[in-house]
Amino acid sequence: MLGNFCYHNPTKVYFGKNAVQNLAEELAHYGKTVQFVYGGGSIKRNGIYDEVVSILRACGKKIVEDGGVMPNPTVEKLYEGAKLARENGVDLILAVGGGSVCDYSKAVSVSAYCEGDPWKKYYLDFEEPTCKIIPVACILTMVGTGSEMNGGAVITNHKEKLKIGHVFGDEVMPKFTILDPTYTFTVPKRQMVAGIYDAFNHICEQYFSGEDDNVSDYLAEGLMRSLIVSSRVALQDPQNYEARSNIMWAATWALNTLIAQGKDTDWEVHMLGQAVGALTDATHGMTLSAVSLAYYRHILPYGVKRFRRFAVEVWGVKDEGSDEAVALAGLDAMEKWMKELGLAMNLAQLGVTADMTEALADATLVMDGGYKVLTREEIVQIFKESL
């Protein structure tokens, strides 16, 4: 295992049925005013809203509601939320929802007292916060992003046609997270499978880098195998607690920085997918599924031994034949699973047309941690092959 690192994850996690019962104990550590962040209103329909509000009121908290967070949180919404937090002197931001709600809440936490424009400071210049940071906590209702146990916050700027993530440090990571798998039972099938693939691809982004014998890769393989098994069960029985709990826990560990230790990590699939999201507002997990196979087949020759290992250890492909043949069989097995889940398999399904490829390339950031640093021409070609 090569490379030195320091590992620390400060997020406390309460996991399991009725885990929300621990909320009151945690709220006692924070001030009176809570910014209650949620999305389009599904938590009002399934009862989670009433449950959380009841606990907040019983704890004597002043509730500042911040609803309507969209699937790809916009910079305009960020400005709105930051103003709300600042003007109300918020002591805690409580995110109740999926990854977008958690991402948005972390972005608000560093923007409320930001000197200057937070979009420029954090998402264009990638500076770190030097201002007061409001603590964040999460109650997760949708699985996939891993935002409940990391410092990432992705924001979309439609005017500039950019969707950019900033991974902040420990001080921005949620102070505590509540994970109750039953809260995910009412998520529509399309959102469930998109979240599963988002989590799976998070693992791939870290796995497809480096060539040394790294403990992180063995952990990654186990997480991927677990997701594959549980996804098939959940597809047939969405309320299977064992499957949904395994998916939820695997998704959290897929991106809480553990399996990135000692790794360069890639993240180019996410850059391609986020470019698609910036132009189409398509579901994040679906943008990843639409571009990932073309990307992996493109870079396979540069990391063929790792792709061979992926085929054998994750997909059970027989370890016979040339490196390339075995590696390609692994990607074929992955493609079959993706189709089984009902994921978007091409960009046309997301509304992308051939005349958009240049604009997509313009919106794609180039990463240098994987097996191949892409040229602009390669990026355009991958988008074309993904149509």
Protein backbone atom coordinates (compact mmCIF):
# COMPACT_ATOMS: atom_id res chain seq x y z
CA MET A 1 0.00 0.00 0.00
CA LEU A 2 1.69 3.18 -1.20
CA GLY A 3 1.35 6.72 0.04
CA ASN A 4 1.01 8.37 3.42
CA PHE A 5 -2.29 9.68 4.74
CA CYS A 6 -4.19 10.92 7.77
CA TYR A 7 -7.67 9.48 8.18
CA HIS A 8 -10.38 11.05 10.30
CA ASN A 9 -14.15 11.03 9.94
CA PRO A 10 -15.95 13.11 12.57
CA THR A 11 -19.54 12.21 11.65
CA LYS A 12 -21.47 10.27 14.28
CA VAL A 13 -23.97 7.81 12.75
CA TYR A 14 -27.18 6.43 14.23
CA PHE A 15 -28.29 3.47 12.10
CA GLY A 16 -31.39 1.29 12.08
CA LYS A 17 -35.13 1.31 12.64
CA ASN A 18 -36.39 4.24 14.71
CA ALA A 19 -32.91 5.80 14.72
CA VAL A 20 -34.61 9.21 14.72
CA GLN A 21 -35.28 8.66 18.43
CA ASN A 22 -31.68 9.77 18.96
CA LEU A 23 -32.37 13.21 17.48
CA ALA A 24 -33.49 14.82 20.73
CA GLU A 25 -30.28 13.81 22.51
CA GLU A 26 -28.16 15.38 19.77
CA LEU A 27 -30.24 18.57 19.54
CA ALA A 28 -29.39 19.32 23.15
CA HIS A 29 -25.84 20.16 22.03
CA TYR A 30 -26.92 23.02 19.77
CA GLY A 31 -28.60 26.40 20.11
CA LYS A 32 -32.26 27.27 19.82
CA THR A 33 -32.64 28.00 16.09
CA VAL A 34 -32.70 25.15 13.55
CA GLN A 35 -32.88 25.61 9.79
CA PHE A 36 -35.02 22.67 8.67
CA VAL A 37 -34.01 21.86 5.08
CA TYR A 38 -35.98 19.51 2.83
CA GLY A 39 -36.85 18.94 -0.80
CA GLY A 40 -40.03 18.88 -2.84
CA GLY A 41 -42.39 17.77 -0.08
CA SER A 42 -42.27 13.96 -0.11
CA ILE A 43 -41.40 13.98 3.60
CA LYS A 44 -44.75 15.66 4.26
CA ARG A 45 -46.58 12.89 2.44
CA ASN A 46 -44.77 9.98 4.11
CA GLY A 47 -44.95 11.35 7.66
CA ILE A 48 -41.25 12.04 8.24
CA TYR A 49 -41.83 15.80 8.30
CA ASP A 50 -44.36 15.57 11.13
CA GLU A 51 -42.11 13.19 13.06
CA VAL A 52 -39.10 15.51 12.88
CA VAL A 53 -41.10 18.68 13.59
CA SER A 54 -42.61 17.02 16.66
CA ILE A 55 -39.14 16.27 18.03
CA LEU A 56 -37.85 19.78 17.27
CA ARG A 57 -40.81 21.36 19.04
CA ALA A 58 -40.53 19.03 22.02
CA CYS A 59 -36.91 20.16 22.33
CA GLY A 60 -37.98 23.79 22.33
CA LYS A 61 -36.34 24.65 19.03
CA LYS A 62 -37.25 27.59 16.82
CA ILE A 63 -37.80 26.14 13.32
CA VAL A 64 -36.72 28.09 10.24
CA GLU A 65 -38.17 26.19 7.28
CA ASP A 66 -36.14 25.94 4.08
CA GLY A 67 -38.03 23.66 1.72
CA GLY A 68 -38.05 23.25 -2.03
CA VAL A 69 -34.46 22.10 -2.50
CA MET A 70 -34.32 20.77 -6.04
CA PRO A 71 -32.57 17.55 -7.18
CA ASN A 72 -29.64 19.57 -8.54
CA PRO A 73 -29.42 22.48 -6.07
CA THR A 74 -28.88 25.78 -7.86
CA VAL A 75 -26.66 28.69 -6.96
CA GLU A 76 -29.78 30.88 -6.67
CA LYS A 77 -31.22 28.51 -4.07
CA LEU A 78 -27.87 28.55 -2.27
CA TYR A 79 -27.95 32.35 -2.02
CA GLU A 80 -31.51 32.17 -0.71
CA GLY A 81 -30.65 29.58 1.94
CA ALA A 82 -27.51 31.39 3.04
CA LYS A 83 -29.47 34.61 3.53
CA LEU A 84 -32.12 32.74 5.52
CA ALA A 85 -29.48 31.22 7.80
CA ARG A 86 -27.66 34.49 8.34
CA GLU A 87 -30.75 36.63 9.00
CA ASN A 88 -32.15 34.12 11.51
CA GLY A 89 -28.89 33.46 13.33
CA VAL A 90 -29.26 29.73 12.72
CA ASP A 91 -27.45 27.44 15.19
CA LEU A 92 -27.87 24.16 13.31
CA ILE A 93 -28.84 23.19 9.78
CA LEU A 94 -30.86 19.96 9.78
CA ALA A 95 -31.04 18.34 6.33
CA VAL A 96 -33.91 15.87 5.94
CA GLY A 97 -33.89 14.24 2.52
CA GLY A 98 -31.54 12.81 -0.06
CA GLY A 99 -28.07 13.76 -1.21
CA SER A 100 -29.09 17.03 -2.83
CA VAL A 101 -30.61 18.27 0.42
CA CYS A 102 -27.46 17.26 2.33
CA ASP A 103 -25.16 18.83 -0.28
CA TYR A 104 -27.14 22.05 -0.28
CA SER A 105 -27.12 22.24 3.52
CA LYS A 106 -23.33 21.96 3.65
CA ALA A 107 -23.00 24.63 0.97
CA VAL A 108 -25.28 26.92 3.00
CA SER A 109 -23.24 26.23 6.13
CA VAL A 110 -20.11 27.78 4.56
CA SER A 111 -21.93 30.48 2.59
CA ALA A 112 -24.09 32.19 5.21
CA TYR A 113 -21.17 34.23 6.52
CA CYS A 114 -18.93 34.01 3.46
CA GLU A 115 -16.88 37.05 2.55
CA GLY A 116 -17.76 37.63 -1.09
CA ASP A 117 -19.58 35.40 -3.55
CA PRO A 118 -19.63 31.75 -2.36
CA TRP A 119 -20.01 30.46 -5.94
CA LYS A 120 -16.77 32.14 -6.97
CA LYS A 121 -14.94 31.44 -3.73
CA TYR A 122 -15.81 27.75 -3.37
CA TYR A 123 -16.80 26.52 -6.83
CA LEU A 124 -14.63 28.50 -9.23
CA ASP A 125 -11.57 29.30 -7.12
CA PHE A 126 -11.91 26.24 -4.82
CA GLU A 127 -10.90 28.22 -1.75
CA GLU A 128 -11.51 26.88 1.73
CA PRO A 129 -13.86 28.64 4.15
CA THR A 130 -12.36 31.27 6.42
CA CYS A 131 -15.70 32.40 7.85
CA LYS A 132 -18.03 31.12 10.54
CA ILE A 133 -19.39 27.68 9.62
CA ILE A 134 -22.85 26.58 10.77
CA PRO A 135 -22.95 22.94 11.92
CA VAL A 136 -24.95 20.51 9.78
CA ALA A 137 -26.79 17.27 10.61
CA CYS A 138 -28.55 14.88 8.24
CA ILE A 139 -31.56 12.59 8.34
CA LEU A 140 -31.30 10.56 5.16
CA THR A 141 -34.38 9.54 3.15
CA MET A 142 -32.75 8.56 -0.14
CA VAL A 143 -29.56 6.55 -0.67
CA GLY A 144 -26.74 7.20 -3.12
CA THR A 145 -24.57 10.25 -2.74
CA GLY A 146 -22.83 9.43 0.55
CA SER A 147 -23.24 13.12 1.40
CA GLU A 148 -24.42 12.14 4.87
CA MET A 149 -20.86 11.28 5.95
CA ASN A 150 -18.56 13.45 3.84
CA GLY A 151 -17.73 17.09 3.15
CA GLY A 152 -18.91 17.20 -0.47
CA ALA A 153 -21.37 19.78 -1.73
CA VAL A 154 -22.37 19.95 -5.41
CA ILE A 155 -24.04 23.09 -6.78
CA THR A 156 -25.41 23.81 -10.26
CA ASN A 157 -25.11 27.13 -12.09
CA HIS A 158 -27.47 27.01 -15.06
CA LYS A 159 -26.42 30.43 -16.33
CA GLU A 160 -22.80 29.33 -16.60
CA LYS A 161 -23.79 25.75 -17.58
CA LEU A 162 -21.69 24.29 -14.80
CA LYS A 163 -22.30 21.70 -12.10
CA ILE A 164 -19.38 21.62 -9.68
CA GLY A 165 -18.63 19.84 -6.44
CA HIS A 166 -16.40 21.09 -3.66
CA VAL A 167 -15.17 18.61 -1.06
CA PHE A 168 -14.78 20.56 2.15
CA GLY A 169 -12.82 19.48 5.21
CA ASP A 170 -13.81 17.91 8.51
CA GLU A 171 -15.37 21.10 9.84
CA VAL A 172 -18.10 20.97 7.18
CA MET A 173 -18.91 17.28 7.46
CA PRO A 174 -22.23 16.51 9.21
CA LYS A 175 -21.88 16.44 12.97
CA PHE A 176 -24.30 13.53 13.13
CA THR A 177 -26.36 11.52 10.68
CA ILE A 178 -29.49 9.45 11.18
CA LEU A 179 -29.90 6.47 8.87
CA ASP A 180 -33.18 4.56 9.05
CA PRO A 181 -33.51 2.19 6.06
CA THR A 182 -37.31 2.25 6.37
CA TYR A 183 -37.23 5.95 5.42
CA THR A 184 -36.11 4.87 1.93
CA PHE A 185 -38.97 2.44 1.32
CA THR A 186 -41.23 4.99 -0.40
CA VAL A 187 -38.59 6.24 -2.84
CA PRO A 188 -39.74 5.57 -6.45
CA LYS A 189 -37.98 2.71 -8.22
CA ARG A 190 -36.21 5.03 -10.69
CA GLN A 191 -34.72 7.05 -7.84
CA MET A 192 -33.79 3.91 -5.92
CA VAL A 193 -31.80 2.39 -8.79
CA ALA A 194 -30.20 5.74 -9.67
CA GLY A 195 -28.99 5.98 -6.07
CA ILE A 196 -27.65 2.44 -6.16
CA TYR A 197 -25.66 3.17 -9.28
CA ASP A 198 -24.40 6.48 -7.89
CA ALA A 199 -23.02 4.59 -4.89
CA PHE A 200 -21.56 1.85 -7.09
CA ASN A 201 -19.84 4.40 -9.30
CA HIS A 202 -18.42 6.21 -6.29
CA ILE A 203 -16.60 2.99 -5.51
CA CYS A 204 -15.45 2.59 -9.12
CA GLU A 205 -14.06 6.12 -9.15
CA GLN A 206 -11.74 5.21 -6.30
CA TYR A 207 -11.05 1.63 -7.38
CA PHE A 208 -9.90 2.42 -10.92
CA SER A 209 -6.70 4.17 -9.91
CA GLY A 210 -3.30 3.03 -8.78
CA GLU A 211 -1.58 -0.29 -9.37
CA ASP A 212 -0.28 -1.23 -5.93
CA ASP A 213 -1.69 -3.88 -3.60
CA ASN A 214 -3.99 -1.65 -1.56
CA VAL A 215 -6.33 -2.62 1.30
CA SER A 216 -8.78 -0.02 -0.02
CA ASP A 217 -9.32 -2.07 -3.18
CA TYR A 218 -10.27 -5.20 -1.24
CA LEU A 219 -12.79 -3.16 0.75
CA ALA A 220 -14.11 -1.66 -2.48
CA GLU A 221 -14.65 -5.08 -4.04
CA GLY A 222 -16.65 -6.24 -1.04
CA LEU A 223 -18.82 -3.13 -1.12
CA MET A 224 -19.49 -3.57 -4.84
CA ARG A 225 -20.44 -7.23 -4.43
CA SER A 226 -22.80 -6.32 -1.59
CA LEU A 227 -24.49 -3.63 -3.69
CA ILE A 228 -24.96 -6.02 -6.61
CA VAL A 229 -26.56 -8.72 -4.44
CA SER A 230 -28.77 -6.34 -2.47
CA SER A 231 -29.83 -4.36 -5.53
CA ARG A 232 -31.27 -7.50 -7.11
CA VAL A 233 -33.23 -8.31 -3.97
CA ALA A 234 -34.51 -4.73 -3.62
CA LEU A 235 -35.52 -4.63 -7.27
CA GLN A 236 -37.92 -7.53 -6.65
CA ASP A 237 -38.90 -6.54 -3.11
CA PRO A 238 -38.36 -2.80 -2.46
CA GLN A 239 -39.38 -3.16 1.19
CA ASN A 240 -36.92 -5.92 2.01
CA TYR A 241 -35.29 -4.41 5.09
CA GLU A 242 -32.11 -6.47 4.90
CA ALA A 243 -31.44 -5.46 1.30
CA ARG A 244 -32.30 -1.80 1.80
CA SER A 245 -30.22 -1.58 4.98
CA ASN A 246 -27.22 -3.11 3.22
CA ILE A 247 -27.63 -0.68 0.32
CA MET A 248 -27.86 2.27 2.69
CA TRP A 249 -24.76 1.28 4.68
CA ALA A 250 -22.72 0.41 1.60
CA ALA A 251 -23.61 3.73 -0.02
CA THR A 252 -22.42 5.59 3.08
CA TRP A 253 -19.08 3.77 3.12
CA ALA A 254 -18.71 4.18 -0.64
CA LEU A 255 -17.94 7.86 -0.17
CA ASN A 256 -17.01 8.62 3.42
CA THR A 257 -13.31 8.77 2.39
CA LEU A 258 -12.32 5.36 3.82
CA ILE A 259 -11.67 3.52 0.55
CA ALA A 260 -9.90 6.54 -0.93
CA GLN A 261 -7.00 6.15 1.48
CA GLY A 262 -3.72 5.55 -0.30
CA LYS A 263 -5.42 6.10 -3.68
CA ASP A 264 -5.10 8.72 -6.42
CA THR A 265 -8.81 8.26 -7.35
CA ASP A 266 -10.28 9.03 -10.77
CA TRP A 267 -13.66 10.93 -10.74
CA GLU A 268 -13.79 11.50 -14.50
CA VAL A 269 -17.12 9.68 -14.86
CA HIS A 270 -18.56 12.15 -12.35
CA MET A 271 -17.13 15.08 -14.32
CA LEU A 272 -18.74 13.75 -17.51
CA GLY A 273 -22.02 13.06 -15.71
CA GLN A 274 -22.08 16.45 -13.99
CA ALA A 275 -21.63 18.18 -17.34
CA VAL A 276 -24.72 16.33 -18.55
CA GLY A 277 -26.57 17.31 -15.38
CA ALA A 278 -25.62 20.97 -15.81
CA LEU A 279 -27.19 21.07 -19.28
CA THR A 280 -30.18 18.77 -18.77
CA ASP A 281 -30.97 18.64 -15.01
CA ALA A 282 -31.18 14.85 -15.44
CA THR A 283 -31.04 12.59 -12.37
CA HIS A 284 -27.42 12.35 -11.25
CA GLY A 285 -27.18 8.55 -11.06
CA MET A 286 -28.65 8.26 -14.54
CA THR A 287 -26.11 10.69 -16.00
CA LEU A 288 -23.37 8.46 -14.59
CA SER A 289 -24.87 5.26 -15.99
CA ALA A 290 -25.26 6.86 -19.41
CA VAL A 291 -21.57 7.74 -19.80
CA SER A 292 -19.65 5.26 -17.66
CA LEU A 293 -19.41 2.27 -19.98
CA ALA A 294 -18.09 4.33 -22.89
CA TYR A 295 -15.54 5.90 -20.56
CA TYR A 296 -14.40 2.62 -19.02
CA ARG A 297 -14.05 0.92 -22.38
CA HIS A 298 -12.00 3.89 -23.53
CA ILE A 299 -9.53 3.81 -20.61
CA LEU A 300 -9.44 0.02 -20.22
CA PRO A 301 -6.21 -0.44 -22.22
CA TYR A 302 -4.40 1.90 -19.81
CA GLY A 303 -5.48 0.02 -16.69
CA VAL A 304 -6.21 -3.41 -18.09
CA LYS A 305 -4.88 -5.39 -15.12
CA ARG A 306 -7.20 -3.57 -12.71
CA PHE A 307 -10.14 -4.08 -15.06
CA ARG A 308 -9.28 -7.78 -15.23
CA ARG A 309 -9.29 -7.95 -11.43
CA PHE A 310 -12.64 -6.13 -11.40
CA ALA A 311 -14.08 -8.73 -13.77
CA VAL A 312 -12.89 -11.67 -11.71
CA GLU A 313 -13.37 -10.41 -8.14
CA VAL A 314 -16.58 -8.41 -8.56
CA TRP A 315 -18.41 -10.10 -11.43
CA GLY A 316 -17.18 -13.68 -11.12
CA VAL A 317 -15.74 -13.84 -14.64
CA LYS A 318 -13.47 -16.87 -15.15
CA ASP A 319 -9.83 -15.89 -14.85
CA GLU A 320 -8.95 -17.38 -18.22
CA GLY A 321 -7.71 -15.77 -21.42
CA SER A 322 -5.98 -12.51 -22.19
CA ASP A 323 -6.14 -9.52 -19.86
CA GLU A 324 -8.24 -7.57 -22.35
CA ALA A 325 -10.71 -10.40 -23.00
CA VAL A 326 -11.35 -10.98 -19.30
CA ALA A 327 -11.55 -7.24 -18.60
CA LEU A 328 -14.09 -6.67 -21.38
CA ALA A 329 -16.17 -9.59 -20.12
CA GLY A 330 -16.33 -7.83 -16.77
CA LEU A 331 -17.69 -4.67 -18.36
CA ASP A 332 -20.20 -6.77 -20.29
CA ALA A 333 -21.38 -8.29 -16.99
CA MET A 334 -21.65 -4.81 -15.50
CA GLU A 335 -23.69 -3.64 -18.49
CA LYS A 336 -26.07 -6.58 -18.10
CA TRP A 337 -26.62 -5.69 -14.42
CA MET A 338 -27.19 -2.04 -15.27
CA LYS A 339 -29.86 -2.98 -17.81
CA GLU A 340 -31.41 -5.31 -15.25
CA LEU A 341 -31.80 -2.36 -12.87
CA GLY A 342 -33.38 -0.23 -15.58
CA LEU A 343 -30.74 2.50 -15.63
CA ALA A 344 -30.32 5.01 -18.44
CA MET A 345 -27.91 3.33 -20.85
CA ASN A 346 -27.34 6.26 -23.20
CA LEU A 347 -27.53 10.04 -23.24
CA ALA A 348 -30.40 10.12 -25.71
CA GLN A 349 -32.61 8.77 -22.93
CA LEU A 350 -31.76 11.92 -20.95
CA GLY A 351 -32.58 14.34 -23.75
CA VAL A 352 -29.05 14.85 -25.07
CA THR A 353 -28.67 15.31 -28.83
CA ALA A 354 -25.61 15.07 -31.06
CA ASP A 355 -25.34 18.85 -31.40
CA MET A 356 -24.79 19.16 -27.64
CA THR A 357 -21.52 17.24 -27.45
CA GLU A 358 -19.27 20.29 -27.83
CA ALA A 359 -21.13 22.16 -25.08
CA LEU A 360 -20.90 19.08 -22.86
CA ALA A 361 -17.16 18.93 -23.44
CA ASP A 362 -16.87 22.60 -22.51
CA ALA A 363 -18.62 21.87 -19.20
CA THR A 364 -16.45 18.84 -18.33
CA LEU A 365 -13.59 19.20 -15.87
CA VAL A 366 -10.54 17.02 -16.58
CA MET A 367 -9.16 14.94 -13.71
CA ASP A 368 -5.68 13.45 -13.54
CA GLY A 369 -5.96 10.66 -10.97
CA GLY A 370 -7.14 7.82 -13.19
CA TYR A 371 -5.48 5.66 -15.81
CA LYS A 372 -5.76 8.22 -18.61
CA VAL A 373 -5.93 12.01 -18.62
CA LEU A 374 -8.47 12.78 -21.31
CA THR A 375 -7.97 15.27 -24.10
CA ARG A 376 -10.89 17.42 -25.21
CA GLU A 377 -11.17 15.33 -28.37
CA GLU A 378 -11.47 12.16 -26.29
CA ILE A 379 -14.16 13.75 -24.14
CA VAL A 380 -16.20 14.67 -27.23
CA GLN A 381 -15.75 11.14 -28.56
CA ILE A 382 -16.91 9.55 -25.31
CA PHE A 383 -20.04 11.72 -25.32
CA LYS A 384 -20.71 10.70 -28.93
CA GLU A 385 -20.27 7.03 -28.06
CA SER A 386 -22.68 7.51 -25.13
CA LEU A 387 -25.53 8.82 -27.31
